[in-house]
Amino acid sequence: MLKEIKAVLDRSSATIWQDIAGGVGLMVVLYDGLQLPGLI
């Protein structure tokens, strides 16, 4: 199983950072969206 995970990461290493950045961006937008009603 670890070999399979390593193989997947080796094949998708170019896009994994884009996926992480996209996930972080979505979390920031979600957090800000939930905090916005408290500011108004």
PDB file of N, CA and C in Angstrom:
ATOM      1  N   MET A   1       0.823  -1.192   0.000  1.00  0.00           N
ATOM      2  CA  MET A   1       0.000   0.000   0.000  1.00  0.00           C
ATOM      3  C   MET A   1       0.866   1.254   0.000  1.00  0.00           C
ATOM      4  N   LEU A   2       1.926   1.267   0.791  1.00  0.00           N
ATOM      5  CA  LEU A   2       2.818   2.423   0.798  1.00  0.00           C
ATOM      6  C   LEU A   2       3.492   2.615  -0.553  1.00  0.00           C
ATOM      7  N   LYS A   3       3.803   1.524  -1.224  1.00  0.00           N
ATOM      8  CA  LYS A   3       4.417   1.618  -2.557  1.00  0.00           C
ATOM      9  C   LYS A   3       3.454   2.266  -3.536  1.00  0.00           C
ATOM     10  N   GLU A   4       2.175   1.927  -3.421  1.00  0.00           N
ATOM     11  CA  GLU A   4       1.171   2.518  -4.311  1.00  0.00           C
ATOM     12  C   GLU A   4       1.030   4.014  -4.052  1.00  0.00           C
ATOM     13  N   ILE A   5       1.011   4.402  -2.792  1.00  0.00           N
ATOM     14  CA  ILE A   5       0.903   5.825  -2.454  1.00  0.00           C
ATOM     15  C   ILE A   5       2.111   6.585  -2.969  1.00  0.00           C
ATOM     16  N   LYS A   6       3.298   6.009  -2.794  1.00  0.00           N
ATOM     17  CA  LYS A   6       4.514   6.653  -3.290  1.00  0.00           C
ATOM     18  C   LYS A   6       4.485   6.785  -4.801  1.00  0.00           C
ATOM     19  N   ALA A   7       3.986   5.756  -5.495  1.00  0.00           N
ATOM     20  CA  ALA A   7       3.894   5.807  -6.954  1.00  0.00           C
ATOM     21  C   ALA A   7       2.927   6.895  -7.402  1.00  0.00           C
ATOM     22  N   VAL A   8       1.812   7.009  -6.713  1.00  0.00           N
ATOM     23  CA  VAL A   8       0.833   8.049  -7.066  1.00  0.00           C
ATOM     24  C   VAL A   8       1.432   9.429  -6.848  1.00  0.00           C
ATOM     25  N   LEU A   9       2.123   9.622  -5.730  1.00  0.00           N
ATOM     26  CA  LEU A   9       2.743  10.924  -5.461  1.00  0.00           C
ATOM     27  C   LEU A   9       3.838  11.235  -6.469  1.00  0.00           C
ATOM     28  N   ASP A  10       4.596  10.237  -6.902  1.00  0.00           N
ATOM     29  CA  ASP A  10       5.637  10.457  -7.907  1.00  0.00           C
ATOM     30  C   ASP A  10       5.033  10.874  -9.237  1.00  0.00           C
ATOM     31  N   ARG A  11       3.903  10.274  -9.601  1.00  0.00           N
ATOM     32  CA  ARG A  11       3.273  10.603 -10.884  1.00  0.00           C
ATOM     33  C   ARG A  11       2.600  11.960 -10.862  1.00  0.00           C
ATOM     34  N   SER A  12       2.075  12.366  -9.714  1.00  0.00           N
ATOM     35  CA  SER A  12       1.301  13.611  -9.658  1.00  0.00           C
ATOM     36  C   SER A  12       2.013  14.703  -8.878  1.00  0.00           C
ATOM     37  N   SER A  13       3.323  14.634  -8.788  1.00  0.00           N
ATOM     38  CA  SER A  13       4.048  15.620  -7.985  1.00  0.00           C
ATOM     39  C   SER A  13       3.904  17.036  -8.543  1.00  0.00           C
ATOM     40  N   ALA A  14       3.692  17.155  -9.851  1.00  0.00           N
ATOM     41  CA  ALA A  14       3.569  18.483 -10.452  1.00  0.00           C
ATOM     42  C   ALA A  14       2.267  19.163 -10.049  1.00  0.00           C
ATOM     43  N   THR A  15       1.213  18.393  -9.849  1.00  0.00           N
ATOM     44  CA  THR A  15      -0.088  19.002  -9.555  1.00  0.00           C
ATOM     45  C   THR A  15      -0.452  18.954  -8.087  1.00  0.00           C
ATOM     46  N   ILE A  16       0.296  18.217  -7.284  1.00  0.00           N
ATOM     47  CA  ILE A  16      -0.081  18.091  -5.874  1.00  0.00           C
ATOM     48  C   ILE A  16      -0.013  19.439  -5.161  1.00  0.00           C
ATOM     49  N   TRP A  17       0.957  20.270  -5.515  1.00  0.00           N
ATOM     50  CA  TRP A  17       1.068  21.586  -4.867  1.00  0.00           C
ATOM     51  C   TRP A  17      -0.081  22.500  -5.288  1.00  0.00           C
ATOM     52  N   GLN A  18      -0.537  22.359  -6.524  1.00  0.00           N
ATOM     53  CA  GLN A  18      -1.690  23.143  -6.957  1.00  0.00           C
ATOM     54  C   GLN A  18      -2.950  22.701  -6.224  1.00  0.00           C
ATOM     55  N   ASP A  19      -3.081  21.397  -6.005  1.00  0.00           N
ATOM     56  CA  ASP A  19      -4.230  20.882  -5.267  1.00  0.00           C
ATOM     57  C   ASP A  19      -4.210  21.369  -3.818  1.00  0.00           C
ATOM     58  N   ILE A  20      -3.033  21.364  -3.204  1.00  0.00           N
ATOM     59  CA  ILE A  20      -2.914  21.841  -1.824  1.00  0.00           C
ATOM     60  C   ILE A  20      -3.256  23.328  -1.754  1.00  0.00           C
ATOM     61  N   ALA A  21      -2.740  24.112  -2.696  1.00  0.00           N
ATOM     62  CA  ALA A  21      -3.028  25.549  -2.711  1.00  0.00           C
ATOM     63  C   ALA A  21      -4.520  25.797  -2.915  1.00  0.00           C
ATOM     64  N   GLY A  22      -5.151  25.030  -3.774  1.00  0.00           N
ATOM     65  CA  GLY A  22      -6.588  25.174  -3.992  1.00  0.00           C
ATOM     66  C   GLY A  22      -7.388  24.827  -2.743  1.00  0.00           C
ATOM     67  N   GLY A  23      -6.990  23.764  -2.057  1.00  0.00           N
ATOM     68  CA  GLY A  23      -7.675  23.380  -0.826  1.00  0.00           C
ATOM     69  C   GLY A  23      -7.536  24.429   0.251  1.00  0.00           C
ATOM     70  N   VAL A  24      -6.338  24.986   0.391  1.00  0.00           N
ATOM     71  CA  VAL A  24      -6.113  26.038   1.381  1.00  0.00           C
ATOM     72  C   VAL A  24      -6.940  27.274   1.021  1.00  0.00           C
ATOM     73  N   GLY A  25      -6.988  27.595  -0.256  1.00  0.00           N
ATOM     74  CA  GLY A  25      -7.782  28.740  -0.695  1.00  0.00           C
ATOM     75  C   GLY A  25      -9.262  28.562  -0.388  1.00  0.00           C
ATOM     76  N   LEU A  26      -9.773  27.360  -0.615  1.00  0.00           N
ATOM     77  CA  LEU A  26     -11.175  27.095  -0.306  1.00  0.00           C
ATOM     78  C   LEU A  26     -11.450  27.194   1.190  1.00  0.00           C
ATOM     79  N   MET A  27     -10.518  26.719   2.000  1.00  0.00           N
ATOM     80  CA  MET A  27     -10.698  26.801   3.450  1.00  0.00           C
ATOM     81  C   MET A  27     -10.693  28.252   3.915  1.00  0.00           C
ATOM     82  N   VAL A  28      -9.835  29.088   3.323  1.00  0.00           N
ATOM     83  CA  VAL A  28      -9.785  30.511   3.690  1.00  0.00           C
ATOM     84  C   VAL A  28     -11.097  31.191   3.319  1.00  0.00           C
ATOM     85  N   VAL A  29     -11.604  30.902   2.131  1.00  0.00           N
ATOM     86  CA  VAL A  29     -12.871  31.504   1.701  1.00  0.00           C
ATOM     87  C   VAL A  29     -14.010  31.053   2.611  1.00  0.00           C
ATOM     88  N   LEU A  30     -14.042  29.766   2.962  1.00  0.00           N
ATOM     89  CA  LEU A  30     -15.080  29.259   3.850  1.00  0.00           C
ATOM     90  C   LEU A  30     -15.000  29.931   5.218  1.00  0.00           C
ATOM     91  N   TYR A  31     -13.798  30.016   5.771  1.00  0.00           N
ATOM     92  CA  TYR A  31     -13.624  30.641   7.086  1.00  0.00           C
ATOM     93  C   TYR A  31     -14.056  32.106   7.061  1.00  0.00           C
ATOM     94  N   ASP A  32     -13.607  32.834   6.032  1.00  0.00           N
ATOM     95  CA  ASP A  32     -13.983  34.248   5.927  1.00  0.00           C
ATOM     96  C   ASP A  32     -15.486  34.402   5.749  1.00  0.00           C
ATOM     97  N   GLY A  33     -16.083  33.518   4.969  1.00  0.00           N
ATOM     98  CA  GLY A  33     -17.525  33.584   4.763  1.00  0.00           C
ATOM     99  C   GLY A  33     -18.299  33.343   6.048  1.00  0.00           C
ATOM    100  N   LEU A  34     -17.783  32.465   6.902  1.00  0.00           N
ATOM    101  CA  LEU A  34     -18.463  32.201   8.166  1.00  0.00           C
ATOM    102  C   LEU A  34     -18.241  33.327   9.176  1.00  0.00           C
ATOM    103  N   GLN A  35     -17.137  34.043   9.072  1.00  0.00           N
ATOM    104  CA  GLN A  35     -16.856  35.132  10.004  1.00  0.00           C
ATOM    105  C   GLN A  35     -17.542  36.432   9.602  1.00  0.00           C
ATOM    106  N   LEU A  36     -17.881  36.575   8.335  1.00  0.00           N
ATOM    107  CA  LEU A  36     -18.449  37.821   7.825  1.00  0.00           C
ATOM    108  C   LEU A  36     -19.739  38.242   8.536  1.00  0.00           C
ATOM    109  N   PRO A  37     -20.700  37.357   8.785  1.00  0.00           N
ATOM    110  CA  PRO A  37     -21.932  37.802   9.469  1.00  0.00           C
ATOM    111  C   PRO A  37     -21.667  38.351  10.876  1.00  0.00           C
ATOM    112  N   GLY A  38     -20.619  37.906  11.531  1.00  0.00           N
ATOM    113  CA  GLY A  38     -20.316  38.417  12.861  1.00  0.00           C
ATOM    114  C   GLY A  38     -19.794  39.837  12.846  1.00  0.00           C
ATOM    115  N   LEU A  39     -19.276  40.275  11.711  1.00  0.00           N
ATOM    116  CA  LEU A  39     -18.719  41.625  11.608  1.00  0.00           C
ATOM    117  C   LEU A  39     -19.783  42.658  11.288  1.00  0.00           C
ATOM    118  N   ILE A  40     -20.889  42.213  10.743  1.00  0.00           N
ATOM    119  CA  ILE A  40     -21.943  43.165  10.319  1.00  0.00           C
ATOM    120  C   ILE A  40     -22.903  43.435  11.460  1.00  0.00           C
TER     121      ILE A  40
END
